Amino acid sequence: MNRKIFLIKIFITVAVIIFFSPKMTKALDVKQSKKTEIRYVPIGDSYTIGTGATEAQSWPALLVEHLRSKGVNITLIENPARAGWSIQEAMILELPVFKSAKPNFATLMIGVNDLVRGQDINIFRKHLQSLMDRMLSELPQHNRLVILTIPDFLMTPQGRAFSNGQDFAGKLQKFNAVIQEEAKARNLVVIDLYPVSKQMGQDPTLIARDGLHPSAKEYAVWENEIFPKVFELLTISENQ
């Protein structure tokens, strides 16, 4: 009799495991998927939207493709960046898109249009501080904002034409110093694209047909610089 009861208990236990196991596994998979889903929204100007190439060849699109190939569950939700926009325009026109997209990862690469319009560097710093802080306030994890410096647009034929006798080279380095200072003040990862962008001065294939923006080949070079630090950031914070 005891043996029969024992066998019945085993049968019931096995039946329960078989019945509930797929549902439990599915529930755990869904929970894990939600936990690891990365919603990416960049803010920037022509360099971020990929002017000079297709949007699919922009570095944010390439970055997402590269990360996904390494097993990172990331989606480029929106790319509100537009050519010619300054920080103020980004705050007015890009931030609303950023907020509604509810990202948990973001990048910021902006400032070249502030520079060519002759923006005072102290005003530039204040605008940059405001934009960074407003982006951070929307992110669940504050370390998931990556900052990028301004590339050396003076390495392109049309970029040099913008200078019109002005010391844009010196001003560009000062603007990039501000970007790095403000990023480090917030303990954010900063990626300096200025050195690698100088390759455009020696290789015409890295410049788009408009003579001003990077080509698809150069955007791919930038993505190779960006990927390692972003991959490390996202995989470390994901495991914490």
C-alpha atoms as a PDB file:
ATOM      1  CA  MET A   1       0.000   0.000   0.000  1.00  0.00           C
ATOM      2  CA  ASN A   2       2.773   2.382   0.899  1.00  0.00           C
ATOM      3  CA  ARG A   3       4.504   1.450  -2.332  1.00  0.00           C
ATOM      4  CA  LYS A   4       1.370   2.396  -4.311  1.00  0.00           C
ATOM      5  CA  ILE A   5       1.142   5.765  -2.569  1.00  0.00           C
ATOM      6  CA  PHE A   6       4.813   6.376  -3.257  1.00  0.00           C
ATOM      7  CA  LEU A   7       4.388   5.594  -6.966  1.00  0.00           C
ATOM      8  CA  ILE A   8       1.318   7.833  -7.191  1.00  0.00           C
ATOM      9  CA  LYS A   9       3.267  10.736  -5.647  1.00  0.00           C
ATOM     10  CA  ILE A  10       6.083  10.240  -8.146  1.00  0.00           C
ATOM     11  CA  PHE A  11       3.584  10.172 -11.033  1.00  0.00           C
ATOM     12  CA  ILE A  12       1.940  13.404  -9.852  1.00  0.00           C
ATOM     13  CA  THR A  13       5.300  15.135  -9.399  1.00  0.00           C
ATOM     14  CA  VAL A  14       6.454  14.168 -12.914  1.00  0.00           C
ATOM     15  CA  ALA A  15       3.137  15.296 -14.402  1.00  0.00           C
ATOM     16  CA  VAL A  16       3.372  18.667 -12.680  1.00  0.00           C
ATOM     17  CA  ILE A  17       6.940  19.172 -13.936  1.00  0.00           C
ATOM     18  CA  ILE A  18       6.002  18.248 -17.511  1.00  0.00           C
ATOM     19  CA  PHE A  19       2.928  20.490 -17.450  1.00  0.00           C
ATOM     20  CA  PHE A  20       4.474  23.575 -15.888  1.00  0.00           C
ATOM     21  CA  SER A  21       8.068  23.385 -17.122  1.00  0.00           C
ATOM     22  CA  PRO A  22       7.455  24.868 -20.632  1.00  0.00           C
ATOM     23  CA  LYS A  23       5.331  27.643 -19.153  1.00  0.00           C
ATOM     24  CA  MET A  24       7.911  28.433 -16.498  1.00  0.00           C
ATOM     25  CA  THR A  25      10.720  28.432 -19.075  1.00  0.00           C
ATOM     26  CA  LYS A  26       8.728  30.701 -21.359  1.00  0.00           C
ATOM     27  CA  ALA A  27       7.979  33.062 -18.480  1.00  0.00           C
ATOM     28  CA  LEU A  28      11.646  33.175 -17.530  1.00  0.00           C
ATOM     29  CA  ASP A  29      12.631  33.800 -21.156  1.00  0.00           C
ATOM     30  CA  VAL A  30      10.174  36.684 -21.407  1.00  0.00           C
ATOM     31  CA  LYS A  31      11.395  38.126 -18.119  1.00  0.00           C
ATOM     32  CA  GLN A  32      15.030  37.843 -19.212  1.00  0.00           C
ATOM     33  CA  SER A  33      14.231  39.353 -22.635  1.00  0.00           C
ATOM     34  CA  LYS A  34      12.593  42.361 -21.011  1.00  0.00           C
ATOM     35  CA  LYS A  35      15.488  42.742 -18.596  1.00  0.00           C
ATOM     36  CA  THR A  36      18.141  42.738 -21.301  1.00  0.00           C
ATOM     37  CA  GLU A  37      16.291  44.720 -23.979  1.00  0.00           C
ATOM     38  CA  ILE A  38      18.279  47.854 -24.815  1.00  0.00           C
ATOM     39  CA  ARG A  39      16.366  50.727 -26.377  1.00  0.00           C
ATOM     40  CA  TYR A  40      18.859  52.987 -28.120  1.00  0.00           C
ATOM     41  CA  VAL A  41      18.270  56.585 -29.199  1.00  0.00           C
ATOM     42  CA  PRO A  42      21.144  58.848 -30.345  1.00  0.00           C
ATOM     43  CA  ILE A  43      21.073  62.638 -30.376  1.00  0.00           C
ATOM     44  CA  GLY A  44      23.229  64.599 -32.774  1.00  0.00           C
ATOM     45  CA  ASP A  45      23.579  66.317 -36.126  1.00  0.00           C
ATOM     46  CA  SER A  46      24.621  65.275 -39.641  1.00  0.00           C
ATOM     47  CA  TYR A  47      27.376  63.036 -38.308  1.00  0.00           C
ATOM     48  CA  THR A  48      24.841  60.967 -36.362  1.00  0.00           C
ATOM     49  CA  ILE A  49      22.135  60.702 -39.026  1.00  0.00           C
ATOM     50  CA  GLY A  50      24.794  59.683 -41.556  1.00  0.00           C
ATOM     51  CA  THR A  51      24.725  62.549 -44.058  1.00  0.00           C
ATOM     52  CA  GLY A  52      26.957  61.604 -46.966  1.00  0.00           C
ATOM     53  CA  ALA A  53      25.850  57.961 -46.815  1.00  0.00           C
ATOM     54  CA  THR A  54      22.574  56.120 -46.345  1.00  0.00           C
ATOM     55  CA  GLU A  55      20.913  55.971 -42.947  1.00  0.00           C
ATOM     56  CA  ALA A  56      21.676  52.241 -42.843  1.00  0.00           C
ATOM     57  CA  GLN A  57      25.362  53.146 -43.265  1.00  0.00           C
ATOM     58  CA  SER A  58      25.323  55.637 -40.397  1.00  0.00           C
ATOM     59  CA  TRP A  59      27.472  54.673 -37.445  1.00  0.00           C
ATOM     60  CA  PRO A  60      24.489  54.252 -35.052  1.00  0.00           C
ATOM     61  CA  ALA A  61      22.907  51.727 -37.439  1.00  0.00           C
ATOM     62  CA  LEU A  62      26.233  49.940 -37.889  1.00  0.00           C
ATOM     63  CA  LEU A  63      26.768  49.927 -34.130  1.00  0.00           C
ATOM     64  CA  VAL A  64      23.434  48.261 -33.465  1.00  0.00           C
ATOM     65  CA  GLU A  65      24.089  45.652 -36.150  1.00  0.00           C
ATOM     66  CA  HIS A  66      27.531  44.944 -34.688  1.00  0.00           C
ATOM     67  CA  LEU A  67      26.218  44.678 -31.124  1.00  0.00           C
ATOM     68  CA  ARG A  68      23.412  42.352 -32.152  1.00  0.00           C
ATOM     69  CA  SER A  69      25.937  40.092 -33.896  1.00  0.00           C
ATOM     70  CA  LYS A  70      27.662  39.770 -30.503  1.00  0.00           C
ATOM     71  CA  GLY A  71      24.466  38.770 -28.733  1.00  0.00           C
ATOM     72  CA  VAL A  72      23.419  42.154 -27.344  1.00  0.00           C
ATOM     73  CA  ASN A  73      19.643  42.611 -27.446  1.00  0.00           C
ATOM     74  CA  ILE A  74      19.565  46.190 -28.744  1.00  0.00           C
ATOM     75  CA  THR A  75      17.210  48.118 -31.017  1.00  0.00           C
ATOM     76  CA  LEU A  76      17.673  51.528 -32.603  1.00  0.00           C
ATOM     77  CA  ILE A  77      14.271  52.912 -31.621  1.00  0.00           C
ATOM     78  CA  GLU A  78      14.663  56.353 -33.234  1.00  0.00           C
ATOM     79  CA  ASN A  79      17.403  58.472 -34.774  1.00  0.00           C
ATOM     80  CA  PRO A  80      16.125  62.062 -34.518  1.00  0.00           C
ATOM     81  CA  ALA A  81      19.462  63.657 -35.502  1.00  0.00           C
ATOM     82  CA  ARG A  82      19.398  66.155 -38.375  1.00  0.00           C
ATOM     83  CA  ALA A  83      22.014  67.893 -40.479  1.00  0.00           C
ATOM     84  CA  GLY A  84      22.823  71.448 -39.481  1.00  0.00           C
ATOM     85  CA  TRP A  85      21.357  71.336 -35.981  1.00  0.00           C
ATOM     86  CA  SER A  86      23.009  72.966 -33.015  1.00  0.00           C
ATOM     87  CA  ILE A  87      22.615  71.994 -29.368  1.00  0.00           C
ATOM     88  CA  GLN A  88      19.669  74.363 -28.934  1.00  0.00           C
ATOM     89  CA  GLU A  89      17.855  72.850 -31.910  1.00  0.00           C
ATOM     90  CA  ALA A  90      18.563  69.385 -30.561  1.00  0.00           C
ATOM     91  CA  MET A  91      17.016  70.350 -27.218  1.00  0.00           C
ATOM     92  CA  ILE A  92      13.932  71.790 -28.893  1.00  0.00           C
ATOM     93  CA  LEU A  93      13.399  69.215 -31.633  1.00  0.00           C
ATOM     94  CA  GLU A  94      15.235  66.022 -30.676  1.00  0.00           C
ATOM     95  CA  LEU A  95      14.620  65.790 -26.939  1.00  0.00           C
ATOM     96  CA  PRO A  96      10.829  65.340 -27.290  1.00  0.00           C
ATOM     97  CA  VAL A  97      11.452  62.357 -29.592  1.00  0.00           C
ATOM     98  CA  PHE A  98      14.072  61.088 -27.157  1.00  0.00           C
ATOM     99  CA  LYS A  99      11.677  61.282 -24.217  1.00  0.00           C
ATOM    100  CA  SER A 100       8.764  59.607 -25.994  1.00  0.00           C
ATOM    101  CA  ALA A 101      11.008  56.755 -27.172  1.00  0.00           C
ATOM    102  CA  LYS A 102      11.900  55.907 -23.546  1.00  0.00           C
ATOM    103  CA  PRO A 103      15.496  54.826 -24.218  1.00  0.00           C
ATOM    104  CA  ASN A 104      17.743  53.075 -21.726  1.00  0.00           C
ATOM    105  CA  PHE A 105      20.879  53.738 -23.762  1.00  0.00           C
ATOM    106  CA  ALA A 106      21.928  56.863 -25.662  1.00  0.00           C
ATOM    107  CA  THR A 107      24.797  58.585 -27.415  1.00  0.00           C
ATOM    108  CA  LEU A 108      25.463  62.289 -27.884  1.00  0.00           C
ATOM    109  CA  MET A 109      27.622  63.699 -30.671  1.00  0.00           C
ATOM    110  CA  ILE A 110      26.996  67.368 -31.345  1.00  0.00           C
ATOM    111  CA  GLY A 111      28.654  70.779 -31.438  1.00  0.00           C
ATOM    112  CA  VAL A 112      30.102  71.275 -34.897  1.00  0.00           C
ATOM    113  CA  ASN A 113      27.262  73.586 -35.962  1.00  0.00           C
ATOM    114  CA  ASP A 114      27.598  75.633 -32.772  1.00  0.00           C
ATOM    115  CA  LEU A 115      31.257  76.024 -33.678  1.00  0.00           C
ATOM    116  CA  VAL A 116      30.797  77.140 -37.305  1.00  0.00           C
ATOM    117  CA  ARG A 117      28.067  79.580 -36.267  1.00  0.00           C
ATOM    118  CA  GLY A 118      30.543  81.294 -33.964  1.00  0.00           C
ATOM    119  CA  GLN A 119      28.957  80.291 -30.671  1.00  0.00           C
ATOM    120  CA  ASP A 120      30.806  81.597 -27.617  1.00  0.00           C
ATOM    121  CA  ILE A 121      32.530  78.700 -25.893  1.00  0.00           C
ATOM    122  CA  ASN A 122      31.065  79.537 -22.472  1.00  0.00           C
ATOM    123  CA  ILE A 123      27.538  79.552 -23.912  1.00  0.00           C
ATOM    124  CA  PHE A 124      28.385  76.308 -25.686  1.00  0.00           C
ATOM    125  CA  ARG A 125      29.370  74.769 -22.366  1.00  0.00           C
ATOM    126  CA  LYS A 126      26.113  75.863 -20.701  1.00  0.00           C
ATOM    127  CA  HIS A 127      24.008  74.487 -23.551  1.00  0.00           C
ATOM    128  CA  LEU A 128      25.968  71.229 -23.515  1.00  0.00           C
ATOM    129  CA  GLN A 129      25.547  70.861 -19.758  1.00  0.00           C
ATOM    130  CA  SER A 130      21.809  71.379 -20.103  1.00  0.00           C
ATOM    131  CA  LEU A 131      21.461  68.838 -22.909  1.00  0.00           C
ATOM    132  CA  MET A 132      23.548  66.211 -21.123  1.00  0.00           C
ATOM    133  CA  ASP A 133      21.632  66.623 -17.873  1.00  0.00           C
ATOM    134  CA  ARG A 134      18.255  66.482 -19.585  1.00  0.00           C
ATOM    135  CA  MET A 135      19.220  63.312 -21.420  1.00  0.00           C
ATOM    136  CA  LEU A 136      20.524  61.756 -18.204  1.00  0.00           C
ATOM    137  CA  SER A 137      17.277  62.561 -16.414  1.00  0.00           C
ATOM    138  CA  GLU A 138      15.432  60.349 -18.915  1.00  0.00           C
ATOM    139  CA  LEU A 139      17.760  57.355 -18.630  1.00  0.00           C
ATOM    140  CA  PRO A 140      17.154  54.674 -15.953  1.00  0.00           C
ATOM    141  CA  GLN A 141      20.912  54.060 -15.677  1.00  0.00           C
ATOM    142  CA  HIS A 142      22.922  57.275 -15.798  1.00  0.00           C
ATOM    143  CA  ASN A 143      26.100  55.599 -16.999  1.00  0.00           C
ATOM    144  CA  ARG A 144      24.397  54.558 -20.227  1.00  0.00           C
ATOM    145  CA  LEU A 145      25.011  57.854 -22.015  1.00  0.00           C
ATOM    146  CA  VAL A 146      28.103  57.788 -24.238  1.00  0.00           C
ATOM    147  CA  ILE A 147      29.623  61.077 -25.417  1.00  0.00           C
ATOM    148  CA  LEU A 148      31.543  61.549 -28.666  1.00  0.00           C
ATOM    149  CA  THR A 149      33.803  64.410 -29.662  1.00  0.00           C
ATOM    150  CA  ILE A 150      33.528  66.505 -32.825  1.00  0.00           C
ATOM    151  CA  PRO A 151      35.439  65.047 -35.805  1.00  0.00           C
ATOM    152  CA  ASP A 152      37.990  67.184 -37.632  1.00  0.00           C
ATOM    153  CA  PHE A 153      35.770  68.518 -40.411  1.00  0.00           C
ATOM    154  CA  LEU A 154      38.685  70.690 -41.566  1.00  0.00           C
ATOM    155  CA  MET A 155      40.159  67.564 -43.144  1.00  0.00           C
ATOM    156  CA  THR A 156      37.491  67.800 -45.868  1.00  0.00           C
ATOM    157  CA  PRO A 157      37.646  70.227 -48.839  1.00  0.00           C
ATOM    158  CA  GLN A 158      34.362  71.959 -48.010  1.00  0.00           C
ATOM    159  CA  GLY A 159      35.150  71.941 -44.299  1.00  0.00           C
ATOM    160  CA  ARG A 160      38.221  74.045 -44.912  1.00  0.00           C
ATOM    161  CA  ALA A 161      36.076  76.504 -46.872  1.00  0.00           C
ATOM    162  CA  PHE A 162      34.011  77.161 -43.726  1.00  0.00           C
ATOM    163  CA  SER A 163      37.004  78.618 -41.916  1.00  0.00           C
ATOM    164  CA  ASN A 164      37.157  81.765 -44.057  1.00  0.00           C
ATOM    165  CA  GLY A 165      40.388  82.814 -42.344  1.00  0.00           C
ATOM    166  CA  GLN A 166      39.190  81.915 -38.838  1.00  0.00           C
ATOM    167  CA  ASP A 167      41.177  79.719 -36.468  1.00  0.00           C
ATOM    168  CA  PHE A 168      38.679  76.889 -36.543  1.00  0.00           C
ATOM    169  CA  ALA A 169      41.367  74.342 -35.787  1.00  0.00           C
ATOM    170  CA  GLY A 170      42.104  75.944 -32.424  1.00  0.00           C
ATOM    171  CA  LYS A 171      38.430  76.494 -31.642  1.00  0.00           C
ATOM    172  CA  LEU A 172      37.587  72.900 -32.517  1.00  0.00           C
ATOM    173  CA  GLN A 173      40.136  71.593 -30.032  1.00  0.00           C
ATOM    174  CA  LYS A 174      38.733  73.915 -27.349  1.00  0.00           C
ATOM    175  CA  PHE A 175      35.163  72.748 -28.026  1.00  0.00           C
ATOM    176  CA  ASN A 176      36.290  69.125 -27.828  1.00  0.00           C
ATOM    177  CA  ALA A 177      38.059  69.855 -24.543  1.00  0.00           C
ATOM    178  CA  VAL A 178      34.762  71.171 -23.141  1.00  0.00           C
ATOM    179  CA  ILE A 179      32.935  68.050 -24.346  1.00  0.00           C
ATOM    180  CA  GLN A 180      35.443  65.769 -22.656  1.00  0.00           C
ATOM    181  CA  GLU A 181      35.448  67.810 -19.441  1.00  0.00           C
ATOM    182  CA  GLU A 182      31.661  67.765 -19.128  1.00  0.00           C
ATOM    183  CA  ALA A 183      31.506  64.038 -19.893  1.00  0.00           C
ATOM    184  CA  LYS A 184      34.136  63.213 -17.285  1.00  0.00           C
ATOM    185  CA  ALA A 185      32.431  65.468 -14.725  1.00  0.00           C
ATOM    186  CA  ARG A 186      29.415  63.162 -15.031  1.00  0.00           C
ATOM    187  CA  ASN A 187      31.481  59.944 -15.075  1.00  0.00           C
ATOM    188  CA  LEU A 188      30.389  59.204 -18.628  1.00  0.00           C
ATOM    189  CA  VAL A 189      32.240  57.236 -21.259  1.00  0.00           C
ATOM    190  CA  VAL A 190      33.714  59.610 -23.831  1.00  0.00           C
ATOM    191  CA  ILE A 191      35.013  58.467 -27.220  1.00  0.00           C
ATOM    192  CA  ASP A 192      37.397  60.813 -29.011  1.00  0.00           C
ATOM    193  CA  LEU A 193      36.826  60.601 -32.775  1.00  0.00           C
ATOM    194  CA  TYR A 194      38.968  63.651 -33.522  1.00  0.00           C
ATOM    195  CA  PRO A 195      42.263  61.734 -34.047  1.00  0.00           C
ATOM    196  CA  VAL A 196      40.853  59.014 -36.308  1.00  0.00           C
ATOM    197  CA  SER A 197      38.847  61.554 -38.351  1.00  0.00           C
ATOM    198  CA  LYS A 198      42.106  63.147 -39.465  1.00  0.00           C
ATOM    199  CA  GLN A 199      42.524  60.210 -41.849  1.00  0.00           C
ATOM    200  CA  MET A 200      40.048  61.990 -44.128  1.00  0.00           C
ATOM    201  CA  GLY A 201      42.831  64.420 -44.971  1.00  0.00           C
ATOM    202  CA  GLN A 202      44.919  61.650 -46.542  1.00  0.00           C
ATOM    203  CA  ASP A 203      42.275  59.375 -48.046  1.00  0.00           C
ATOM    204  CA  PRO A 204      39.627  60.887 -50.392  1.00  0.00           C
ATOM    205  CA  THR A 205      37.557  57.680 -50.228  1.00  0.00           C
ATOM    206  CA  LEU A 206      36.729  58.557 -46.623  1.00  0.00           C
ATOM    207  CA  ILE A 207      34.943  61.739 -47.777  1.00  0.00           C
ATOM    208  CA  ALA A 208      31.437  61.843 -49.264  1.00  0.00           C
ATOM    209  CA  ARG A 209      30.704  63.279 -52.691  1.00  0.00           C
ATOM    210  CA  ASP A 210      29.583  66.568 -51.150  1.00  0.00           C
ATOM    211  CA  GLY A 211      33.176  67.175 -50.064  1.00  0.00           C
ATOM    212  CA  LEU A 212      32.099  67.897 -46.502  1.00  0.00           C
ATOM    213  CA  HIS A 213      30.707  64.821 -44.783  1.00  0.00           C
ATOM    214  CA  PRO A 214      32.244  61.407 -44.165  1.00  0.00           C
ATOM    215  CA  SER A 215      31.642  58.598 -46.624  1.00  0.00           C
ATOM    216  CA  ALA A 216      30.117  55.270 -45.641  1.00  0.00           C
ATOM    217  CA  LYS A 217      33.673  53.963 -45.349  1.00  0.00           C
ATOM    218  CA  GLU A 218      34.571  56.623 -42.764  1.00  0.00           C
ATOM    219  CA  TYR A 219      31.400  56.047 -40.756  1.00  0.00           C
ATOM    220  CA  ALA A 220      32.444  52.386 -40.569  1.00  0.00           C
ATOM    221  CA  VAL A 221      35.851  53.497 -39.244  1.00  0.00           C
ATOM    222  CA  TRP A 222      34.103  55.523 -36.531  1.00  0.00           C
ATOM    223  CA  GLU A 223      31.908  52.584 -35.593  1.00  0.00           C
ATOM    224  CA  ASN A 224      35.009  50.457 -35.086  1.00  0.00           C
ATOM    225  CA  GLU A 225      36.251  53.053 -32.605  1.00  0.00           C
ATOM    226  CA  ILE A 226      32.897  53.286 -30.829  1.00  0.00           C
ATOM    227  CA  PHE A 227      31.963  49.602 -30.629  1.00  0.00           C
ATOM    228  CA  PRO A 228      34.504  48.282 -28.062  1.00  0.00           C
ATOM    229  CA  LYS A 229      33.657  50.843 -25.373  1.00  0.00           C
ATOM    230  CA  VAL A 230      29.907  50.590 -25.936  1.00  0.00           C
ATOM    231  CA  PHE A 231      30.022  46.787 -25.894  1.00  0.00           C
ATOM    232  CA  GLU A 232      31.968  46.838 -22.633  1.00  0.00           C
ATOM    233  CA  LEU A 233      29.609  49.379 -21.078  1.00  0.00           C
ATOM    234  CA  LEU A 234      26.433  47.522 -22.008  1.00  0.00           C
ATOM    235  CA  THR A 235      27.631  44.046 -21.112  1.00  0.00           C
ATOM    236  CA  ILE A 236      29.087  45.143 -17.762  1.00  0.00           C
ATOM    237  CA  SER A 237      25.993  47.129 -16.728  1.00  0.00           C
ATOM    238  CA  GLU A 238      23.771  44.288 -17.916  1.00  0.00           C
ATOM    239  CA  ASN A 239      25.493  41.834 -15.584  1.00  0.00           C
ATOM    240  CA  GLN A 240      25.402  44.114 -12.537  1.00  0.00           C
END
